[in-house]
Amino acid sequence: MIPWLRSTASFPPLDRALADPNGLLAASADLTPERLLDAYRHGVFPWYSEGQPVLWWSPDPRMVLYVDELRVSRSLRKTVCSGRFDIRVDSAFRQVMQGCAMAPRLGQLGTWITPQIVDAYCTLAREGFAHSVEAFQDGELVGGLYGVSIGRMFYGESMFAQAADASKVTLVHLAAMLRSNAMPLIDCQQDTPHLARLGARPIPRIDFARHLTALVASPPPALWRPVPAFDAIA
């Protein structure tokens, strides 16, 4: 059994999370911005389907990408350097979320990015805690990613692409921005072959929690803006 969190209840310790399914920690009815920020500060994230209660997770191990370990293939490097995409930051946050919601996922039916999720994260974006990196081509949004930033920690949520390599290029630009802001780590949440090919790897939950303690307490960057992607692939 997992605990049901009332609106004022705290998350249980991470070691109370279930082993099967891996990381399921708690459930609740609410998905307020305050609840979301508290969750991320403790290494917890929401993941559930339409019609379910809000389910909160903290898997062990945890998939992360150290910015300095980003793996950029020769072909991706060529695409980044070509300037094929116009890269923008925080100019189309809701549209990026909607693009992620509509993107097909192998082995999944439907999406966890429900209208409730979209509204909650858009509130975080207005408050400066959530950010998107977007790829435009001929004035059209063709790819992007979004996530949450607290202190010097970035929690990646989802990405999508409607043009080849568009989401990967936004990840390279995100890594460059994070490196320039002394933000060393991206939480990737789920262990997938796609993320592994880009350099992400699983680490024990206890190590992830130790990273959080230091990074969340650090002062946040003053600015979120694009920087040369070469800073991430030099």
C-alpha atoms as a PDB file:
ATOM      1  CA  MET A   1       0.000   0.000   0.000  1.00  0.00           C
ATOM      2  CA  ILE A   2       1.100   3.554  -0.680  1.00  0.00           C
ATOM      3  CA  PRO A   3      -0.046   6.547   1.378  1.00  0.00           C
ATOM      4  CA  TRP A   4      -2.752   8.931   0.203  1.00  0.00           C
ATOM      5  CA  LEU A   5      -1.504  12.498   0.601  1.00  0.00           C
ATOM      6  CA  ARG A   6      -3.952  15.102   1.780  1.00  0.00           C
ATOM      7  CA  SER A   7      -3.296  18.667   0.669  1.00  0.00           C
ATOM      8  CA  THR A   8      -1.060  19.537   3.640  1.00  0.00           C
ATOM      9  CA  ALA A   9       0.698  16.163   4.000  1.00  0.00           C
ATOM     10  CA  SER A  10       4.412  15.744   3.341  1.00  0.00           C
ATOM     11  CA  PHE A  11       5.921  13.125   1.084  1.00  0.00           C
ATOM     12  CA  PRO A  12       7.088   9.984   2.860  1.00  0.00           C
ATOM     13  CA  PRO A  13      10.827   9.157   2.886  1.00  0.00           C
ATOM     14  CA  LEU A  14      12.081   7.982  -0.497  1.00  0.00           C
ATOM     15  CA  ASP A  15      13.061   4.572   0.848  1.00  0.00           C
ATOM     16  CA  ARG A  16       9.345   3.886   1.389  1.00  0.00           C
ATOM     17  CA  ALA A  17       8.812   3.747  -2.382  1.00  0.00           C
ATOM     18  CA  LEU A  18       7.719   0.406  -3.784  1.00  0.00           C
ATOM     19  CA  ALA A  19      10.131  -1.877  -5.581  1.00  0.00           C
ATOM     20  CA  ASP A  20       7.308  -3.074  -7.863  1.00  0.00           C
ATOM     21  CA  PRO A  21       6.299  -0.926  -9.590  1.00  0.00           C
ATOM     22  CA  ASN A  22       9.698   0.643  -9.147  1.00  0.00           C
ATOM     23  CA  GLY A  23       9.510   3.957  -7.329  1.00  0.00           C
ATOM     24  CA  LEU A  24       5.793   4.373  -6.681  1.00  0.00           C
ATOM     25  CA  LEU A  25       5.752   6.453  -3.490  1.00  0.00           C
ATOM     26  CA  ALA A  26       2.349   8.046  -2.927  1.00  0.00           C
ATOM     27  CA  ALA A  27      -0.928   9.198  -4.466  1.00  0.00           C
ATOM     28  CA  SER A  28      -2.962  12.368  -4.124  1.00  0.00           C
ATOM     29  CA  ALA A  29      -5.827  14.286  -5.624  1.00  0.00           C
ATOM     30  CA  ASP A  30      -3.991  17.596  -5.922  1.00  0.00           C
ATOM     31  CA  LEU A  31      -1.415  18.797  -8.437  1.00  0.00           C
ATOM     32  CA  THR A  32      -0.817  22.348  -7.279  1.00  0.00           C
ATOM     33  CA  PRO A  33       2.353  24.279  -8.167  1.00  0.00           C
ATOM     34  CA  GLU A  34       3.295  24.186  -4.490  1.00  0.00           C
ATOM     35  CA  ARG A  35       2.952  20.398  -4.412  1.00  0.00           C
ATOM     36  CA  LEU A  36       5.009  20.064  -7.598  1.00  0.00           C
ATOM     37  CA  LEU A  37       7.865  22.222  -6.312  1.00  0.00           C
ATOM     38  CA  ASP A  38       7.930  20.331  -3.020  1.00  0.00           C
ATOM     39  CA  ALA A  39       8.019  17.059  -4.951  1.00  0.00           C
ATOM     40  CA  TYR A  40      10.927  18.054  -7.155  1.00  0.00           C
ATOM     41  CA  ARG A  41      12.913  19.381  -4.209  1.00  0.00           C
ATOM     42  CA  HIS A  42      12.647  15.898  -2.703  1.00  0.00           C
ATOM     43  CA  GLY A  43      13.395  13.942  -5.878  1.00  0.00           C
ATOM     44  CA  VAL A  44       9.779  13.012  -6.602  1.00  0.00           C
ATOM     45  CA  PHE A  45       7.817  13.499  -9.835  1.00  0.00           C
ATOM     46  CA  PRO A  46       4.212  12.895 -10.986  1.00  0.00           C
ATOM     47  CA  TRP A  47       3.358  10.279 -13.584  1.00  0.00           C
ATOM     48  CA  TYR A  48      -0.147   8.988 -14.138  1.00  0.00           C
ATOM     49  CA  SER A  49      -2.832   8.552 -16.771  1.00  0.00           C
ATOM     50  CA  GLU A  50      -6.130  10.310 -17.347  1.00  0.00           C
ATOM     51  CA  GLY A  51      -8.707   9.088 -14.827  1.00  0.00           C
ATOM     52  CA  GLN A  52      -6.120   7.993 -12.226  1.00  0.00           C
ATOM     53  CA  PRO A  53      -5.241   9.862  -9.047  1.00  0.00           C
ATOM     54  CA  VAL A  54      -1.963  11.769  -9.158  1.00  0.00           C
ATOM     55  CA  LEU A  55       0.761   9.151  -8.670  1.00  0.00           C
ATOM     56  CA  TRP A  56       4.141  10.237  -7.286  1.00  0.00           C
ATOM     57  CA  TRP A  57       7.368   8.391  -8.120  1.00  0.00           C
ATOM     58  CA  SER A  58      10.999   8.162  -7.051  1.00  0.00           C
ATOM     59  CA  PRO A  59      12.588   5.172  -8.831  1.00  0.00           C
ATOM     60  CA  ASP A  60      15.804   3.470  -7.810  1.00  0.00           C
ATOM     61  CA  PRO A  61      18.091   3.679  -9.701  1.00  0.00           C
ATOM     62  CA  ARG A  62      17.473   7.111 -11.227  1.00  0.00           C
ATOM     63  CA  MET A  63      18.358   7.947 -14.838  1.00  0.00           C
ATOM     64  CA  VAL A  64      20.425  11.131 -15.064  1.00  0.00           C
ATOM     65  CA  LEU A  65      22.534  12.938 -17.623  1.00  0.00           C
ATOM     66  CA  TYR A  66      25.663  14.680 -16.393  1.00  0.00           C
ATOM     67  CA  VAL A  67      26.013  17.651 -18.715  1.00  0.00           C
ATOM     68  CA  ASP A  68      29.698  16.937 -19.324  1.00  0.00           C
ATOM     69  CA  GLU A  69      28.813  13.380 -20.403  1.00  0.00           C
ATOM     70  CA  LEU A  70      26.412  14.366 -23.180  1.00  0.00           C
ATOM     71  CA  ARG A  71      27.215  12.154 -26.156  1.00  0.00           C
ATOM     72  CA  VAL A  72      26.979  14.007 -29.470  1.00  0.00           C
ATOM     73  CA  SER A  73      27.375  11.862 -32.568  1.00  0.00           C
ATOM     74  CA  ARG A  74      29.199  13.114 -35.624  1.00  0.00           C
ATOM     75  CA  SER A  75      25.941  13.500 -37.552  1.00  0.00           C
ATOM     76  CA  LEU A  76      24.240  15.350 -34.684  1.00  0.00           C
ATOM     77  CA  ARG A  77      27.256  17.633 -34.316  1.00  0.00           C
ATOM     78  CA  LYS A  78      26.960  18.444 -38.016  1.00  0.00           C
ATOM     79  CA  THR A  79      23.255  19.251 -37.630  1.00  0.00           C
ATOM     80  CA  VAL A  80      23.868  21.491 -34.618  1.00  0.00           C
ATOM     81  CA  CYS A  81      26.613  23.380 -36.418  1.00  0.00           C
ATOM     82  CA  SER A  82      24.549  23.757 -39.600  1.00  0.00           C
ATOM     83  CA  GLY A  83      22.138  26.215 -38.025  1.00  0.00           C
ATOM     84  CA  ARG A  84      19.238  24.291 -39.555  1.00  0.00           C
ATOM     85  CA  PHE A  85      17.014  25.168 -36.604  1.00  0.00           C
ATOM     86  CA  ASP A  86      16.198  28.500 -35.020  1.00  0.00           C
ATOM     87  CA  ILE A  87      16.607  27.787 -31.289  1.00  0.00           C
ATOM     88  CA  ARG A  88      14.523  29.762 -28.813  1.00  0.00           C
ATOM     89  CA  VAL A  89      13.981  29.572 -25.061  1.00  0.00           C
ATOM     90  CA  ASP A  90      10.677  29.979 -23.204  1.00  0.00           C
ATOM     91  CA  SER A  91       8.881  31.362 -26.258  1.00  0.00           C
ATOM     92  CA  ALA A  92       6.352  28.531 -26.714  1.00  0.00           C
ATOM     93  CA  PHE A  93       6.167  26.607 -23.453  1.00  0.00           C
ATOM     94  CA  ARG A  94       2.552  25.435 -23.718  1.00  0.00           C
ATOM     95  CA  GLN A  95       2.993  24.476 -27.378  1.00  0.00           C
ATOM     96  CA  VAL A  96       6.035  22.359 -26.473  1.00  0.00           C
ATOM     97  CA  MET A  97       4.030  20.554 -23.807  1.00  0.00           C
ATOM     98  CA  GLN A  98       1.242  19.944 -26.277  1.00  0.00           C
ATOM     99  CA  GLY A  99       3.746  18.633 -28.819  1.00  0.00           C
ATOM    100  CA  CYS A 100       5.141  16.252 -26.189  1.00  0.00           C
ATOM    101  CA  ALA A 101       1.624  15.124 -25.281  1.00  0.00           C
ATOM    102  CA  MET A 102       0.862  14.210 -28.905  1.00  0.00           C
ATOM    103  CA  ALA A 103       4.183  12.492 -29.619  1.00  0.00           C
ATOM    104  CA  PRO A 104       3.854   8.699 -29.998  1.00  0.00           C
ATOM    105  CA  ARG A 105       5.764   6.659 -27.382  1.00  0.00           C
ATOM    106  CA  LEU A 106       6.865   3.076 -27.990  1.00  0.00           C
ATOM    107  CA  GLY A 107       4.799   0.710 -25.865  1.00  0.00           C
ATOM    108  CA  GLN A 108       2.501   3.418 -24.500  1.00  0.00           C
ATOM    109  CA  LEU A 109      -1.112   4.178 -25.256  1.00  0.00           C
ATOM    110  CA  GLY A 110      -2.235   7.732 -24.614  1.00  0.00           C
ATOM    111  CA  THR A 111      -0.184  10.244 -22.644  1.00  0.00           C
ATOM    112  CA  TRP A 112       0.581  11.173 -19.059  1.00  0.00           C
ATOM    113  CA  ILE A 113       0.672  14.850 -20.124  1.00  0.00           C
ATOM    114  CA  THR A 114      -2.963  15.507 -19.290  1.00  0.00           C
ATOM    115  CA  PRO A 115      -4.652  18.944 -19.425  1.00  0.00           C
ATOM    116  CA  GLN A 116      -4.174  19.084 -15.629  1.00  0.00           C
ATOM    117  CA  ILE A 117      -0.432  18.513 -16.073  1.00  0.00           C
ATOM    118  CA  VAL A 118      -0.202  21.145 -18.818  1.00  0.00           C
ATOM    119  CA  ASP A 119      -1.949  23.788 -16.723  1.00  0.00           C
ATOM    120  CA  ALA A 120       0.157  23.038 -13.638  1.00  0.00           C
ATOM    121  CA  TYR A 121       3.483  23.244 -15.467  1.00  0.00           C
ATOM    122  CA  CYS A 122       2.445  26.366 -17.359  1.00  0.00           C
ATOM    123  CA  THR A 123       1.889  27.980 -13.953  1.00  0.00           C
ATOM    124  CA  LEU A 124       5.422  26.950 -12.965  1.00  0.00           C
ATOM    125  CA  ALA A 125       6.694  28.465 -16.221  1.00  0.00           C
ATOM    126  CA  ARG A 126       5.002  31.789 -15.433  1.00  0.00           C
ATOM    127  CA  GLU A 127       6.635  31.675 -12.000  1.00  0.00           C
ATOM    128  CA  GLY A 128      10.076  31.050 -13.523  1.00  0.00           C
ATOM    129  CA  PHE A 129      10.465  27.434 -12.375  1.00  0.00           C
ATOM    130  CA  ALA A 130       9.770  25.665 -15.682  1.00  0.00           C
ATOM    131  CA  HIS A 131      11.479  26.240 -19.010  1.00  0.00           C
ATOM    132  CA  SER A 132      11.335  25.084 -22.596  1.00  0.00           C
ATOM    133  CA  VAL A 133      13.888  24.989 -25.387  1.00  0.00           C
ATOM    134  CA  GLU A 134      12.321  25.121 -28.836  1.00  0.00           C
ATOM    135  CA  ALA A 135      13.451  24.343 -32.371  1.00  0.00           C
ATOM    136  CA  PHE A 136      11.785  26.333 -35.158  1.00  0.00           C
ATOM    137  CA  GLN A 137      12.133  25.783 -38.874  1.00  0.00           C
ATOM    138  CA  ASP A 138      10.720  28.263 -41.365  1.00  0.00           C
ATOM    139  CA  GLY A 139       8.849  29.878 -38.478  1.00  0.00           C
ATOM    140  CA  GLU A 140       7.167  26.631 -37.376  1.00  0.00           C
ATOM    141  CA  LEU A 141       7.754  24.809 -34.095  1.00  0.00           C
ATOM    142  CA  VAL A 142       9.210  21.411 -35.051  1.00  0.00           C
ATOM    143  CA  GLY A 143      10.681  20.172 -31.792  1.00  0.00           C
ATOM    144  CA  GLY A 144      11.501  20.975 -28.222  1.00  0.00           C
ATOM    145  CA  LEU A 145      11.802  19.933 -24.628  1.00  0.00           C
ATOM    146  CA  TYR A 146      10.650  21.216 -21.273  1.00  0.00           C
ATOM    147  CA  GLY A 147      11.516  20.729 -17.629  1.00  0.00           C
ATOM    148  CA  VAL A 148      11.690  22.225 -14.169  1.00  0.00           C
ATOM    149  CA  SER A 149      14.565  24.207 -12.693  1.00  0.00           C
ATOM    150  CA  ILE A 150      15.114  24.702  -8.960  1.00  0.00           C
ATOM    151  CA  GLY A 151      18.362  26.195  -7.729  1.00  0.00           C
ATOM    152  CA  ARG A 152      21.069  24.692  -9.939  1.00  0.00           C
ATOM    153  CA  MET A 153      19.139  21.496 -10.664  1.00  0.00           C
ATOM    154  CA  PHE A 154      17.280  20.796 -13.904  1.00  0.00           C
ATOM    155  CA  TYR A 155      14.593  18.125 -14.113  1.00  0.00           C
ATOM    156  CA  GLY A 156      13.912  17.064 -17.684  1.00  0.00           C
ATOM    157  CA  GLU A 157      10.308  16.141 -18.360  1.00  0.00           C
ATOM    158  CA  SER A 158       9.720  15.373 -22.028  1.00  0.00           C
ATOM    159  CA  MET A 159      10.748  16.172 -25.582  1.00  0.00           C
ATOM    160  CA  PHE A 160       9.288  15.837 -29.050  1.00  0.00           C
ATOM    161  CA  ALA A 161      10.379  16.180 -32.663  1.00  0.00           C
ATOM    162  CA  GLN A 162       8.493  16.688 -35.897  1.00  0.00           C
ATOM    163  CA  ALA A 163      11.723  17.090 -37.880  1.00  0.00           C
ATOM    164  CA  ALA A 164      14.742  14.816 -37.771  1.00  0.00           C
ATOM    165  CA  ASP A 165      17.060  15.551 -34.818  1.00  0.00           C
ATOM    166  CA  ALA A 166      15.031  18.580 -33.678  1.00  0.00           C
ATOM    167  CA  SER A 167      14.650  17.393 -30.083  1.00  0.00           C
ATOM    168  CA  LYS A 168      18.273  16.253 -29.897  1.00  0.00           C
ATOM    169  CA  VAL A 169      19.449  19.681 -31.037  1.00  0.00           C
ATOM    170  CA  THR A 170      17.389  21.338 -28.298  1.00  0.00           C
ATOM    171  CA  LEU A 171      19.001  18.984 -25.779  1.00  0.00           C
ATOM    172  CA  VAL A 172      22.462  20.020 -26.951  1.00  0.00           C
ATOM    173  CA  HIS A 173      21.470  23.673 -26.538  1.00  0.00           C
ATOM    174  CA  LEU A 174      20.003  22.953 -23.106  1.00  0.00           C
ATOM    175  CA  ALA A 175      23.266  21.297 -22.054  1.00  0.00           C
ATOM    176  CA  ALA A 176      25.190  24.362 -23.228  1.00  0.00           C
ATOM    177  CA  MET A 177      22.913  26.646 -21.210  1.00  0.00           C
ATOM    178  CA  LEU A 178      23.219  24.485 -18.123  1.00  0.00           C
ATOM    179  CA  ARG A 179      26.983  24.301 -18.389  1.00  0.00           C
ATOM    180  CA  SER A 180      27.200  28.090 -18.682  1.00  0.00           C
ATOM    181  CA  ASN A 181      25.081  28.391 -15.516  1.00  0.00           C
ATOM    182  CA  ALA A 182      27.124  25.850 -13.505  1.00  0.00           C
ATOM    183  CA  MET A 183      24.246  23.352 -13.557  1.00  0.00           C
ATOM    184  CA  PRO A 184      25.890  19.920 -13.922  1.00  0.00           C
ATOM    185  CA  LEU A 185      22.964  17.512 -13.959  1.00  0.00           C
ATOM    186  CA  ILE A 186      19.726  16.725 -15.819  1.00  0.00           C
ATOM    187  CA  ASP A 187      17.240  14.396 -14.154  1.00  0.00           C
ATOM    188  CA  CYS A 188      15.938  12.086 -16.892  1.00  0.00           C
ATOM    189  CA  GLN A 189      13.639  10.031 -14.611  1.00  0.00           C
ATOM    190  CA  GLN A 190      13.187   6.982 -16.854  1.00  0.00           C
ATOM    191  CA  ASP A 191      15.828   4.577 -18.172  1.00  0.00           C
ATOM    192  CA  THR A 192      15.366   4.444 -21.948  1.00  0.00           C
ATOM    193  CA  PRO A 193      17.699   3.357 -24.779  1.00  0.00           C
ATOM    194  CA  HIS A 194      17.234   6.767 -26.435  1.00  0.00           C
ATOM    195  CA  LEU A 195      18.543   8.614 -23.370  1.00  0.00           C
ATOM    196  CA  ALA A 196      21.341   6.091 -22.877  1.00  0.00           C
ATOM    197  CA  ARG A 197      22.586   6.708 -26.418  1.00  0.00           C
ATOM    198  CA  LEU A 198      22.848  10.401 -25.539  1.00  0.00           C
ATOM    199  CA  GLY A 199      24.995   9.667 -22.489  1.00  0.00           C
ATOM    200  CA  ALA A 200      22.446   9.320 -19.683  1.00  0.00           C
ATOM    201  CA  ARG A 201      23.006   6.599 -17.102  1.00  0.00           C
ATOM    202  CA  PRO A 202      21.327   5.232 -13.994  1.00  0.00           C
ATOM    203  CA  ILE A 203      22.671   6.094 -10.549  1.00  0.00           C
ATOM    204  CA  PRO A 204      21.507   4.898  -7.112  1.00  0.00           C
ATOM    205  CA  ARG A 205      18.638   6.928  -5.682  1.00  0.00           C
ATOM    206  CA  ILE A 206      20.706   7.759  -2.608  1.00  0.00           C
ATOM    207  CA  ASP A 207      23.352   9.369  -4.846  1.00  0.00           C
ATOM    208  CA  PHE A 208      20.673  11.295  -6.726  1.00  0.00           C
ATOM    209  CA  ALA A 209      19.251  12.577  -3.427  1.00  0.00           C
ATOM    210  CA  ARG A 210      22.728  13.705  -2.380  1.00  0.00           C
ATOM    211  CA  HIS A 211      23.085  15.688  -5.609  1.00  0.00           C
ATOM    212  CA  LEU A 212      19.703  17.301  -4.973  1.00  0.00           C
ATOM    213  CA  THR A 213      20.636  18.434  -1.480  1.00  0.00           C
ATOM    214  CA  ALA A 214      23.515  20.496  -2.852  1.00  0.00           C
ATOM    215  CA  LEU A 215      22.064  21.700  -6.155  1.00  0.00           C
ATOM    216  CA  VAL A 216      18.550  22.671  -5.023  1.00  0.00           C
ATOM    217  CA  ALA A 217      20.049  24.807  -2.237  1.00  0.00           C
ATOM    218  CA  SER A 218      22.325  26.682  -4.674  1.00  0.00           C
ATOM    219  CA  PRO A 219      21.328  30.109  -6.005  1.00  0.00           C
ATOM    220  CA  PRO A 220      19.452  29.869  -9.330  1.00  0.00           C
ATOM    221  CA  PRO A 221      20.920  31.322 -12.525  1.00  0.00           C
ATOM    222  CA  ALA A 222      20.093  34.951 -13.195  1.00  0.00           C
ATOM    223  CA  LEU A 223      19.152  34.427 -16.848  1.00  0.00           C
ATOM    224  CA  TRP A 224      17.753  31.717 -19.099  1.00  0.00           C
ATOM    225  CA  ARG A 225      18.823  32.405 -22.651  1.00  0.00           C
ATOM    226  CA  PRO A 226      20.381  30.527 -25.556  1.00  0.00           C
ATOM    227  CA  VAL A 227      24.156  30.227 -25.647  1.00  0.00           C
ATOM    228  CA  PRO A 228      26.321  28.816 -28.447  1.00  0.00           C
ATOM    229  CA  ALA A 229      25.719  25.074 -28.612  1.00  0.00           C
ATOM    230  CA  PHE A 230      29.424  24.610 -29.290  1.00  0.00           C
ATOM    231  CA  ASP A 231      29.843  25.090 -25.511  1.00  0.00           C
ATOM    232  CA  ALA A 232      28.281  21.632 -25.044  1.00  0.00           C
ATOM    233  CA  ILE A 233      30.151  19.802 -27.788  1.00  0.00           C
ATOM    234  CA  ALA A 234      33.601  21.329 -27.566  1.00  0.00           C
END
